[in-house]
PDB file of N, CA and C in Angstrom:
ATOM      1  N   MET A   1       0.844  -1.182   0.000  1.00  0.00           N
ATOM      2  CA  MET A   1       0.000   0.000   0.000  1.00  0.00           C
ATOM      3  C   MET A   1       0.880   1.233   0.000  1.00  0.00           C
ATOM      4  N   LEU A   2       0.447   2.236  -0.741  1.00  0.00           N
ATOM      5  CA  LEU A   2       1.168   3.499  -0.792  1.00  0.00           C
ATOM      6  C   LEU A   2       0.433   4.569   0.005  1.00  0.00           C
ATOM      7  N   ILE A   3       1.216   5.439   0.649  1.00  0.00           N
ATOM      8  CA  ILE A   3       0.703   6.666   1.234  1.00  0.00           C
ATOM      9  C   ILE A   3       1.534   7.792   0.630  1.00  0.00           C
ATOM     10  N   TYR A   4       1.090   9.031   0.808  1.00  0.00           N
ATOM     11  CA  TYR A   4       1.696  10.155   0.107  1.00  0.00           C
ATOM     12  C   TYR A   4       2.043  11.277   1.066  1.00  0.00           C
ATOM     13  N   LYS A   5       3.198  11.881   0.823  1.00  0.00           N
ATOM     14  CA  LYS A   5       3.621  13.061   1.566  1.00  0.00           C
ATOM     15  C   LYS A   5       3.820  14.190   0.568  1.00  0.00           C
ATOM     16  N   ILE A   6       3.181  15.312   0.825  1.00  0.00           N
ATOM     17  CA  ILE A   6       3.312  16.493  -0.015  1.00  0.00           C
ATOM     18  C   ILE A   6       4.426  17.361   0.563  1.00  0.00           C
ATOM     19  N   LEU A   7       5.363  17.728  -0.301  1.00  0.00           N
ATOM     20  CA  LEU A   7       6.521  18.503   0.128  1.00  0.00           C
ATOM     21  C   LEU A   7       6.686  19.737  -0.748  1.00  0.00           C
ATOM     22  N   LEU A   8       7.298  20.752  -0.193  1.00  0.00           N
ATOM     23  CA  LEU A   8       7.771  21.864  -0.997  1.00  0.00           C
ATOM     24  C   LEU A   8       9.062  21.400  -1.674  1.00  0.00           C
ATOM     25  N   PRO A   9       9.403  21.948  -2.819  1.00  0.00           N
ATOM     26  CA  PRO A   9      10.640  21.520  -3.481  1.00  0.00           C
ATOM     27  C   PRO A   9      11.878  21.610  -2.586  1.00  0.00           C
ATOM     28  N   SER A  10      11.972  22.640  -1.754  1.00  0.00           N
ATOM     29  CA  SER A  10      13.123  22.770  -0.848  1.00  0.00           C
ATOM     30  C   SER A  10      13.142  21.638   0.188  1.00  0.00           C
ATOM     31  N   GLU A  11      11.966  21.205   0.637  1.00  0.00           N
ATOM     32  CA  GLU A  11      11.898  20.089   1.591  1.00  0.00           C
ATOM     33  C   GLU A  11      12.361  18.792   0.929  1.00  0.00           C
ATOM     34  N   TRP A  12      11.969  18.587  -0.339  1.00  0.00           N
ATOM     35  CA  TRP A  12      12.410  17.392  -1.046  1.00  0.00           C
ATOM     36  C   TRP A  12      13.932  17.403  -1.214  1.00  0.00           C
ATOM     37  N   SER A  13      14.517  18.543  -1.512  1.00  0.00           N
ATOM     38  CA  SER A  13      15.975  18.642  -1.644  1.00  0.00           C
ATOM     39  C   SER A  13      16.663  18.267  -0.334  1.00  0.00           C
ATOM     40  N   GLU A  14      16.109  18.754   0.769  1.00  0.00           N
ATOM     41  CA  GLU A  14      16.669  18.422   2.085  1.00  0.00           C
ATOM     42  C   GLU A  14      16.499  16.933   2.392  1.00  0.00           C
ATOM     43  N   PHE A  15      15.342  16.374   2.048  1.00  0.00           N
ATOM     44  CA  PHE A  15      15.041  14.949   2.249  1.00  0.00           C
ATOM     45  C   PHE A  15      16.082  14.109   1.500  1.00  0.00           C
ATOM     46  N   GLU A  16      16.289  14.413   0.231  1.00  0.00           N
ATOM     47  CA  GLU A  16      17.264  13.667  -0.581  1.00  0.00           C
ATOM     48  C   GLU A  16      18.667  13.765   0.006  1.00  0.00           C
ATOM     49  N   ALA A  17      19.069  14.969   0.383  1.00  0.00           N
ATOM     50  CA  ALA A  17      20.425  15.187   0.889  1.00  0.00           C
ATOM     51  C   ALA A  17      20.662  14.474   2.219  1.00  0.00           C
ATOM     52  N   ALA A  18      19.658  14.508   3.088  1.00  0.00           N
ATOM     53  CA  ALA A  18      19.805  13.910   4.431  1.00  0.00           C
ATOM     54  C   ALA A  18      19.518  12.413   4.444  1.00  0.00           C
ATOM     55  N   GLY A  19      18.772  11.929   3.455  1.00  0.00           N
ATOM     56  CA  GLY A  19      18.387  10.517   3.455  1.00  0.00           C
ATOM     57  C   GLY A  19      17.189  10.233   4.343  1.00  0.00           C
ATOM     58  N   ARG A  20      16.592  11.297   4.867  1.00  0.00           N
ATOM     59  CA  ARG A  20      15.408  11.158   5.712  1.00  0.00           C
ATOM     60  C   ARG A  20      14.710  12.510   5.770  1.00  0.00           C
ATOM     61  N   PHE A  21      13.429  12.481   6.147  1.00  0.00           N
ATOM     62  CA  PHE A  21      12.662  13.710   6.322  1.00  0.00           C
ATOM     63  C   PHE A  21      12.129  13.716   7.739  1.00  0.00           C
ATOM     64  N   ASP A  22      12.506  14.747   8.491  1.00  0.00           N
ATOM     65  CA  ASP A  22      12.107  14.845   9.894  1.00  0.00           C
ATOM     66  C   ASP A  22      10.811  15.617  10.079  1.00  0.00           C
ATOM     67  N   GLY A  23      10.207  16.054   8.992  1.00  0.00           N
ATOM     68  CA  GLY A  23       8.932  16.750   9.067  1.00  0.00           C
ATOM     69  C   GLY A  23       9.057  18.241   8.837  1.00  0.00           C
ATOM     70  N   SER A  24       7.956  18.809   8.382  1.00  0.00           N
ATOM     71  CA  SER A  24       7.847  20.260   8.217  1.00  0.00           C
ATOM     72  C   SER A  24       7.665  20.879   9.607  1.00  0.00           C
ATOM     73  N   PRO A  25       7.726  22.192   9.712  1.00  0.00           N
ATOM     74  CA  PRO A  25       7.433  22.809  11.012  1.00  0.00           C
ATOM     75  C   PRO A  25       6.057  22.392  11.552  1.00  0.00           C
ATOM     76  N   PHE A  26       5.053  22.305  10.677  1.00  0.00           N
ATOM     77  CA  PHE A  26       3.718  21.875  11.112  1.00  0.00           C
ATOM     78  C   PHE A  26       3.735  20.429  11.604  1.00  0.00           C
ATOM     79  N   ASP A  27       4.438  19.556  10.887  1.00  0.00           N
ATOM     80  CA  ASP A  27       4.556  18.164  11.328  1.00  0.00           C
ATOM     81  C   ASP A  27       5.188  18.100  12.716  1.00  0.00           C
ATOM     82  N   ARG A  28       6.289  18.805  12.880  1.00  0.00           N
ATOM     83  CA  ARG A  28       7.000  18.750  14.168  1.00  0.00           C
ATOM     84  C   ARG A  28       6.134  19.286  15.297  1.00  0.00           C
ATOM     85  N   SER A  29       5.347  20.336  15.028  1.00  0.00           N
ATOM     86  CA  SER A  29       4.473  20.870  16.084  1.00  0.00           C
ATOM     87  C   SER A  29       3.342  19.894  16.411  1.00  0.00           C
ATOM     88  N   SER A  30       2.970  19.060  15.456  1.00  0.00           N
ATOM     89  CA  SER A  30       1.912  18.057  15.666  1.00  0.00           C
ATOM     90  C   SER A  30       2.430  16.810  16.359  1.00  0.00           C
ATOM     91  N   GLY A  31       3.732  16.572  16.277  1.00  0.00           N
ATOM     92  CA  GLY A  31       4.321  15.378  16.898  1.00  0.00           C
ATOM     93  C   GLY A  31       4.340  14.169  15.970  1.00  0.00           C
ATOM     94  N   PHE A  32       3.995  14.356  14.696  1.00  0.00           N
ATOM     95  CA  PHE A  32       4.024  13.282  13.709  1.00  0.00           C
ATOM     96  C   PHE A  32       4.073  13.900  12.324  1.00  0.00           C
ATOM     97  N   ILE A  33       4.372  13.078  11.333  1.00  0.00           N
ATOM     98  CA  ILE A  33       4.412  13.548   9.951  1.00  0.00           C
ATOM     99  C   ILE A  33       3.068  13.253   9.301  1.00  0.00           C
ATOM    100  N   HIS A  34       2.432  14.303   8.811  1.00  0.00           N
ATOM    101  CA  HIS A  34       1.131  14.199   8.153  1.00  0.00           C
ATOM    102  C   HIS A  34       1.304  13.610   6.758  1.00  0.00           C
ATOM    103  N   CYS A  35       0.557  12.582   6.459  1.00  0.00           N
ATOM    104  CA  CYS A  35       0.538  11.991   5.124  1.00  0.00           C
ATOM    105  C   CYS A  35      -0.915  11.847   4.697  1.00  0.00           C
ATOM    106  N   SER A  36      -1.112  11.352   3.480  1.00  0.00           N
ATOM    107  CA  SER A  36      -2.458  11.173   2.936  1.00  0.00           C
ATOM    108  C   SER A  36      -2.533   9.864   2.175  1.00  0.00           C
ATOM    109  N   SER A  37      -3.745   9.338   2.072  1.00  0.00           N
ATOM    110  CA  SER A  37      -3.993   8.211   1.181  1.00  0.00           C
ATOM    111  C   SER A  37      -4.124   8.775  -0.233  1.00  0.00           C
ATOM    112  N   ARG A  38      -4.198   7.892  -1.224  1.00  0.00           N
ATOM    113  CA  ARG A  38      -4.387   8.361  -2.606  1.00  0.00           C
ATOM    114  C   ARG A  38      -5.699   9.131  -2.739  1.00  0.00           C
ATOM    115  N   GLU A  39      -6.740   8.652  -2.068  1.00  0.00           N
ATOM    116  CA  GLU A  39      -8.045   9.331  -2.111  1.00  0.00           C
ATOM    117  C   GLU A  39      -7.987  10.733  -1.515  1.00  0.00           C
ATOM    118  N   GLN A  40      -7.114  10.949  -0.540  1.00  0.00           N
ATOM    119  CA  GLN A  40      -7.074  12.200   0.213  1.00  0.00           C
ATOM    120  C   GLN A  40      -6.081  13.230  -0.320  1.00  0.00           C
ATOM    121  N   VAL A  41      -5.062  12.786  -1.042  1.00  0.00           N
ATOM    122  CA  VAL A  41      -3.918  13.654  -1.327  1.00  0.00           C
ATOM    123  C   VAL A  41      -4.275  14.882  -2.166  1.00  0.00           C
ATOM    124  N   GLY A  42      -5.166  14.757  -3.126  1.00  0.00           N
ATOM    125  CA  GLY A  42      -5.540  15.911  -3.944  1.00  0.00           C
ATOM    126  C   GLY A  42      -6.214  17.001  -3.132  1.00  0.00           C
ATOM    127  N   ALA A  43      -7.164  16.604  -2.301  1.00  0.00           N
ATOM    128  CA  ALA A  43      -7.868  17.579  -1.456  1.00  0.00           C
ATOM    129  C   ALA A  43      -6.921  18.190  -0.424  1.00  0.00           C
ATOM    130  N   THR A  44      -6.020  17.366   0.112  1.00  0.00           N
ATOM    131  CA  THR A  44      -5.038  17.884   1.074  1.00  0.00           C
ATOM    132  C   THR A  44      -4.156  18.931   0.402  1.00  0.00           C
ATOM    133  N   ALA A  45      -3.714  18.651  -0.808  1.00  0.00           N
ATOM    134  CA  ALA A  45      -2.867  19.601  -1.537  1.00  0.00           C
ATOM    135  C   ALA A  45      -3.589  20.934  -1.718  1.00  0.00           C
ATOM    136  N   LEU A  46      -4.831  20.879  -2.136  1.00  0.00           N
ATOM    137  CA  LEU A  46      -5.595  22.113  -2.334  1.00  0.00           C
ATOM    138  C   LEU A  46      -5.807  22.864  -1.026  1.00  0.00           C
ATOM    139  N   ARG A  47      -6.116  22.135   0.044  1.00  0.00           N
ATOM    140  CA  ARG A  47      -6.412  22.762   1.331  1.00  0.00           C
ATOM    141  C   ARG A  47      -5.169  23.392   1.966  1.00  0.00           C
ATOM    142  N   VAL A  48      -4.038  22.695   1.905  1.00  0.00           N
ATOM    143  CA  VAL A  48      -2.849  23.133   2.633  1.00  0.00           C
ATOM    144  C   VAL A  48      -1.845  23.870   1.749  1.00  0.00           C
ATOM    145  N   PHE A  49      -1.757  23.476   0.474  1.00  0.00           N
ATOM    146  CA  PHE A  49      -0.720  24.002  -0.409  1.00  0.00           C
ATOM    147  C   PHE A  49      -1.295  24.726  -1.627  1.00  0.00           C
ATOM    148  N   GLY A  50      -2.519  25.202  -1.532  1.00  0.00           N
ATOM    149  CA  GLY A  50      -3.210  25.798  -2.667  1.00  0.00           C
ATOM    150  C   GLY A  50      -2.500  26.965  -3.317  1.00  0.00           C
ATOM    151  N   GLU A  51      -1.708  27.697  -2.570  1.00  0.00           N
ATOM    152  CA  GLU A  51      -1.025  28.879  -3.100  1.00  0.00           C
ATOM    153  C   GLU A  51       0.387  28.584  -3.595  1.00  0.00           C
ATOM    154  N   GLU A  52       0.860  27.363  -3.422  1.00  0.00           N
ATOM    155  CA  GLU A  52       2.230  27.025  -3.816  1.00  0.00           C
ATOM    156  C   GLU A  52       2.314  26.755  -5.318  1.00  0.00           C
ATOM    157  N   PRO A  53       3.299  27.342  -6.008  1.00  0.00           N
ATOM    158  CA  PRO A  53       3.403  27.155  -7.455  1.00  0.00           C
ATOM    159  C   PRO A  53       3.969  25.795  -7.866  1.00  0.00           C
ATOM    160  N   ALA A  54       4.678  25.138  -6.966  1.00  0.00           N
ATOM    161  CA  ALA A  54       5.279  23.834  -7.279  1.00  0.00           C
ATOM    162  C   ALA A  54       5.293  22.966  -6.027  1.00  0.00           C
ATOM    163  N   LEU A  55       5.014  21.692  -6.227  1.00  0.00           N
ATOM    164  CA  LEU A  55       5.016  20.731  -5.131  1.00  0.00           C
ATOM    165  C   LEU A  55       5.769  19.477  -5.559  1.00  0.00           C
ATOM    166  N   VAL A  56       6.207  18.734  -4.574  1.00  0.00           N
ATOM    167  CA  VAL A  56       6.753  17.394  -4.803  1.00  0.00           C
ATOM    168  C   VAL A  56       5.910  16.455  -3.951  1.00  0.00           C
ATOM    169  N   VAL A  57       5.330  15.467  -4.586  1.00  0.00           N
ATOM    170  CA  VAL A  57       4.553  14.465  -3.855  1.00  0.00           C
ATOM    171  C   VAL A  57       5.319  13.157  -3.935  1.00  0.00           C
ATOM    172  N   VAL A  58       5.676  12.622  -2.775  1.00  0.00           N
ATOM    173  CA  VAL A  58       6.387  11.352  -2.758  1.00  0.00           C
ATOM    174  C   VAL A  58       5.418  10.243  -2.381  1.00  0.00           C
ATOM    175  N   SER A  59       5.537   9.148  -3.110  1.00  0.00           N
ATOM    176  CA  SER A  59       4.780   7.935  -2.802  1.00  0.00           C
ATOM    177  C   SER A  59       5.640   7.116  -1.852  1.00  0.00           C
ATOM    178  N   LEU A  60       5.048   6.709  -0.745  1.00  0.00           N
ATOM    179  CA  LEU A  60       5.774   5.991   0.294  1.00  0.00           C
ATOM    180  C   LEU A  60       5.210   4.589   0.470  1.00  0.00           C
ATOM    181  N   ASP A  61       6.088   3.624   0.625  1.00  0.00           N
ATOM    182  CA  ASP A  61       5.687   2.248   0.898  1.00  0.00           C
ATOM    183  C   ASP A  61       5.289   2.150   2.363  1.00  0.00           C
ATOM    184  N   ALA A  62       4.001   2.004   2.612  1.00  0.00           N
ATOM    185  CA  ALA A  62       3.502   1.942   3.987  1.00  0.00           C
ATOM    186  C   ALA A  62       4.103   0.772   4.752  1.00  0.00           C
ATOM    187  N   GLY A  63       4.462  -0.293   4.057  1.00  0.00           N
ATOM    188  CA  GLY A  63       5.072  -1.446   4.715  1.00  0.00           C
ATOM    189  C   GLY A  63       6.407  -1.123   5.365  1.00  0.00           C
ATOM    190  N   VAL A  64       7.170  -0.233   4.758  1.00  0.00           N
ATOM    191  CA  VAL A  64       8.460   0.179   5.332  1.00  0.00           C
ATOM    192  C   VAL A  64       8.231   0.982   6.617  1.00  0.00           C
ATOM    193  N   LEU A  65       7.116   1.694   6.676  1.00  0.00           N
ATOM    194  CA  LEU A  65       6.815   2.570   7.816  1.00  0.00           C
ATOM    195  C   LEU A  65       5.939   1.904   8.865  1.00  0.00           C
ATOM    196  N   ASP A  66       5.629   0.651   8.665  1.00  0.00           N
ATOM    197  CA  ASP A  66       4.607  -0.079   9.411  1.00  0.00           C
ATOM    198  C   ASP A  66       4.595   0.185  10.912  1.00  0.00           C
ATOM    199  N   GLU A  67       5.702   0.030  11.571  1.00  0.00           N
ATOM    200  CA  GLU A  67       5.679   0.161  13.035  1.00  0.00           C
ATOM    201  C   GLU A  67       5.480   1.594  13.503  1.00  0.00           C
ATOM    202  N   TRP A  68       5.689   2.574  12.624  1.00  0.00           N
ATOM    203  CA  TRP A  68       5.534   3.989  12.992  1.00  0.00           C
ATOM    204  C   TRP A  68       4.274   4.613  12.415  1.00  0.00           C
ATOM    205  N   LEU A  69       3.540   3.856  11.625  1.00  0.00           N
ATOM    206  CA  LEU A  69       2.371   4.372  10.923  1.00  0.00           C
ATOM    207  C   LEU A  69       1.097   4.099  11.708  1.00  0.00           C
ATOM    208  N   ARG A  70       0.306   5.155  11.882  1.00  0.00           N
ATOM    209  CA  ARG A  70      -1.009   5.024  12.530  1.00  0.00           C
ATOM    210  C   ARG A  70      -2.038   5.750  11.677  1.00  0.00           C
ATOM    211  N   TRP A  71      -3.194   5.139  11.510  1.00  0.00           N
ATOM    212  CA  TRP A  71      -4.312   5.786  10.824  1.00  0.00           C
ATOM    213  C   TRP A  71      -5.181   6.406  11.900  1.00  0.00           C
ATOM    214  N   GLU A  72      -5.283   7.731  11.875  1.00  0.00           N
ATOM    215  CA  GLU A  72      -5.970   8.445  12.946  1.00  0.00           C
ATOM    216  C   GLU A  72      -6.983   9.434  12.381  1.00  0.00           C
ATOM    217  N   PRO A  73      -8.057   9.701  13.162  1.00  0.00           N
ATOM    218  CA  PRO A  73      -9.071  10.649  12.695  1.00  0.00           C
ATOM    219  C   PRO A  73      -8.509  12.066  12.602  1.00  0.00           C
ATOM    220  N   ALA A  74      -8.966  12.769  11.587  1.00  0.00           N
ATOM    221  CA  ALA A  74      -8.579  14.175  11.408  1.00  0.00           C
ATOM    222  C   ALA A  74      -9.796  15.051  11.695  1.00  0.00           C
ATOM    223  N   PRO A  75      -9.570  16.311  12.059  1.00  0.00           N
ATOM    224  CA  PRO A  75     -10.690  17.203  12.368  1.00  0.00           C
ATOM    225  C   PRO A  75     -11.697  17.347  11.223  1.00  0.00           C
ATOM    226  N   ASN A  76     -11.222  17.248   9.972  1.00  0.00           N
ATOM    227  CA  ASN A  76     -12.140  17.406   8.841  1.00  0.00           C
ATOM    228  C   ASN A  76     -12.772  16.078   8.427  1.00  0.00           C
ATOM    229  N   GLY A  77     -12.583  15.057   9.234  1.00  0.00           N
ATOM    230  CA  GLY A  77     -13.197  13.757   8.977  1.00  0.00           C
ATOM    231  C   GLY A  77     -12.259  12.801   8.276  1.00  0.00           C
ATOM    232  N   GLY A  78     -12.517  11.539   8.454  1.00  0.00           N
ATOM    233  CA  GLY A  78     -11.716  10.505   7.822  1.00  0.00           C
ATOM    234  C   GLY A  78     -10.483  10.149   8.621  1.00  0.00           C
ATOM    235  N   LEU A  79      -9.918   8.999   8.276  1.00  0.00           N
ATOM    236  CA  LEU A  79      -8.680   8.546   8.894  1.00  0.00           C
ATOM    237  C   LEU A  79      -7.518   8.905   7.983  1.00  0.00           C
ATOM    238  N   PHE A  80      -6.504   9.528   8.548  1.00  0.00           N
ATOM    239  CA  PHE A  80      -5.317   9.919   7.796  1.00  0.00           C
ATOM    240  C   PHE A  80      -4.108   9.168   8.323  1.00  0.00           C
ATOM    241  N   PRO A  81      -3.147   8.851   7.444  1.00  0.00           N
ATOM    242  CA  PRO A  81      -1.921   8.189   7.892  1.00  0.00           C
ATOM    243  C   PRO A  81      -0.970   9.201   8.526  1.00  0.00           C
ATOM    244  N   HIS A  82      -0.571   8.911   9.746  1.00  0.00           N
ATOM    245  CA  HIS A  82       0.379   9.733  10.486  1.00  0.00           C
ATOM    246  C   HIS A  82       1.594   8.867  10.793  1.00  0.00           C
ATOM    247  N   VAL A  83       2.777   9.415  10.584  1.00  0.00           N
ATOM    248  CA  VAL A  83       4.014   8.672  10.803  1.00  0.00           C
ATOM    249  C   VAL A  83       4.737   9.276  11.997  1.00  0.00           C
ATOM    250  N   TYR A  84       5.000   8.438  12.988  1.00  0.00           N
ATOM    251  CA  TYR A  84       5.629   8.867  14.241  1.00  0.00           C
ATOM    252  C   TYR A  84       7.119   8.565  14.237  1.00  0.00           C
ATOM    253  N   ALA A  85       7.799   8.955  13.180  1.00  0.00           N
ATOM    254  CA  ALA A  85       9.246   8.802  13.032  1.00  0.00           C
ATOM    255  C   ALA A  85       9.653   9.596  11.801  1.00  0.00           C
ATOM    256  N   SER A  86      10.931   9.762  11.590  1.00  0.00           N
ATOM    257  CA  SER A  86      11.410  10.369  10.356  1.00  0.00           C
ATOM    258  C   SER A  86      11.076   9.447   9.190  1.00  0.00           C
ATOM    259  N   LEU A  87      10.831  10.028   8.039  1.00  0.00           N
ATOM    260  CA  LEU A  87      10.601   9.234   6.836  1.00  0.00           C
ATOM    261  C   LEU A  87      11.959   8.867   6.246  1.00  0.00           C
ATOM    262  N   PRO A  88      12.260   7.583   6.096  1.00  0.00           N
ATOM    263  CA  PRO A  88      13.535   7.212   5.479  1.00  0.00           C
ATOM    264  C   PRO A  88      13.419   7.279   3.958  1.00  0.00           C
ATOM    265  N   LEU A  89      14.496   7.651   3.311  1.00  0.00           N
ATOM    266  CA  LEU A  89      14.504   7.697   1.853  1.00  0.00           C
ATOM    267  C   LEU A  89      14.180   6.326   1.264  1.00  0.00           C
ATOM    268  N   SER A  90      14.494   5.267   1.990  1.00  0.00           N
ATOM    269  CA  SER A  90      14.211   3.901   1.509  1.00  0.00           C
ATOM    270  C   SER A  90      12.718   3.620   1.375  1.00  0.00           C
ATOM    271  N   ALA A  91      11.859   4.431   1.999  1.00  0.00           N
ATOM    272  CA  ALA A  91      10.409   4.243   1.896  1.00  0.00           C
ATOM    273  C   ALA A  91       9.838   4.879   0.624  1.00  0.00           C
ATOM    274  N   VAL A  92      10.602   5.755  -0.023  1.00  0.00           N
ATOM    275  CA  VAL A  92      10.124   6.466  -1.209  1.00  0.00           C
ATOM    276  C   VAL A  92      10.180   5.535  -2.419  1.00  0.00           C
ATOM    277  N   VAL A  93       9.026   5.325  -3.046  1.00  0.00           N
ATOM    278  CA  VAL A  93       8.969   4.467  -4.231  1.00  0.00           C
ATOM    279  C   VAL A  93       8.746   5.268  -5.512  1.00  0.00           C
ATOM    280  N   ALA A  94       8.308   6.516  -5.408  1.00  0.00           N
ATOM    281  CA  ALA A  94       8.131   7.380  -6.570  1.00  0.00           C
ATOM    282  C   ALA A  94       8.145   8.832  -6.114  1.00  0.00           C
ATOM    283  N   VAL A  95       8.605   9.692  -7.020  1.00  0.00           N
ATOM    284  CA  VAL A  95       8.676  11.128  -6.758  1.00  0.00           C
ATOM    285  C   VAL A  95       7.965  11.833  -7.905  1.00  0.00           C
ATOM    286  N   HIS A  96       7.019  12.681  -7.560  1.00  0.00           N
ATOM    287  CA  HIS A  96       6.213  13.379  -8.560  1.00  0.00           C
ATOM    288  C   HIS A  96       6.395  14.889  -8.379  1.00  0.00           C
ATOM    289  N   HIS A  97       6.986  15.545  -9.377  1.00  0.00           N
ATOM    290  CA  HIS A  97       7.136  16.998  -9.370  1.00  0.00           C
ATOM    291  C   HIS A  97       5.887  17.559 -10.047  1.00  0.00           C
ATOM    292  N   ILE A  98       5.154  18.387  -9.318  1.00  0.00           N
ATOM    293  CA  ILE A  98       3.826  18.816  -9.776  1.00  0.00           C
ATOM    294  C   ILE A  98       3.728  20.335  -9.763  1.00  0.00           C
ATOM    295  N   ALA A  99       3.174  20.879 -10.836  1.00  0.00           N
ATOM    296  CA  ALA A  99       3.010  22.330 -10.977  1.00  0.00           C
ATOM    297  C   ALA A  99       1.725  22.779 -10.289  1.00  0.00           C
ATOM    298  N   GLY A 100       1.749  22.805  -8.963  1.00  0.00           N
ATOM    299  CA  GLY A 100       0.625  23.325  -8.200  1.00  0.00           C
ATOM    300  C   GLY A 100      -0.363  22.279  -7.728  1.00  0.00           C
ATOM    301  N   ALA A 101      -1.053  22.640  -6.668  1.00  0.00           N
ATOM    302  CA  ALA A 101      -1.976  21.720  -5.983  1.00  0.00           C
ATOM    303  C   ALA A 101      -3.101  21.232  -6.864  1.00  0.00           C
ATOM    304  N   SER A 102      -3.581  22.053  -7.774  1.00  0.00           N
ATOM    305  CA  SER A 102      -4.718  21.646  -8.591  1.00  0.00           C
ATOM    306  C   SER A 102      -4.375  20.520  -9.563  1.00  0.00           C
ATOM    307  N   GLN A 103      -3.096  20.246  -9.747  1.00  0.00           N
ATOM    308  CA  GLN A 103      -2.652  19.212 -10.682  1.00  0.00           C
ATOM    309  C   GLN A 103      -2.384  17.852 -10.036  1.00  0.00           C
ATOM    310  N   VAL A 104      -2.434  17.783  -8.703  1.00  0.00           N
ATOM    311  CA  VAL A 104      -2.030  16.559  -7.997  1.00  0.00           C
ATOM    312  C   VAL A 104      -2.832  15.352  -8.480  1.00  0.00           C
ATOM    313  N   ASP A 105      -4.143  15.439  -8.467  1.00  0.00           N
ATOM    314  CA  ASP A 105      -4.947  14.262  -8.822  1.00  0.00           C
ATOM    315  C   ASP A 105      -4.756  13.839 -10.281  1.00  0.00           C
ATOM    316  N   SER A 106      -4.474  14.778 -11.160  1.00  0.00           N
ATOM    317  CA  SER A 106      -4.302  14.400 -12.570  1.00  0.00           C
ATOM    318  C   SER A 106      -2.907  13.838 -12.851  1.00  0.00           C
ATOM    319  N   VAL A 107      -1.923  14.155 -12.029  1.00  0.00           N
ATOM    320  CA  VAL A 107      -0.562  13.674 -12.253  1.00  0.00           C
ATOM    321  C   VAL A 107      -0.308  12.336 -11.586  1.00  0.00           C
ATOM    322  N   LEU A 108      -0.814  12.144 -10.383  1.00  0.00           N
ATOM    323  CA  LEU A 108      -0.560  10.886  -9.663  1.00  0.00           C
ATOM    324  C   LEU A 108      -1.338   9.740 -10.295  1.00  0.00           C
ATOM    325  N   PRO A 109      -0.710   8.563 -10.375  1.00  0.00           N
ATOM    326  CA  PRO A 109      -1.471   7.409 -10.872  1.00  0.00           C
ATOM    327  C   PRO A 109      -2.548   7.033  -9.868  1.00  0.00           C
ATOM    328  N   GLY A 110      -3.616   6.415 -10.349  1.00  0.00           N
ATOM    329  CA  GLY A 110      -4.667   5.925  -9.461  1.00  0.00           C
ATOM    330  C   GLY A 110      -4.195   4.721  -8.687  1.00  0.00           C
ATOM    331  N   GLU A 111      -5.003   4.316  -7.745  1.00  0.00           N
ATOM    332  CA  GLU A 111      -4.618   3.153  -6.921  1.00  0.00           C
ATOM    333  C   GLU A 111      -4.872   1.868  -7.656  1.00  0.00           C
TER     334      GLU A 111
END
């Protein structure tokens, strides 16, 4: 199963260089890394990153994150995947460079 993390291009550069992603400032303040399912990622991009001109969406192998992954309710409804550890580069199975939040659903492959 795949889950998705939406990143700013600068965050993806840091992720690649470090070999891990420790979370955005919002993730760190929440105590976990916010991710989305395929069904959720487009709406999440629009809600959180709607004004960003470029995004990087990484597809993550949930099996690699298994012991740190929890599906938890979000205030806007539904269960979202939250990761309680740094994301290792080894969990990344695909990288999608996307020109803005409105393009996420059309660029990512379906499940």
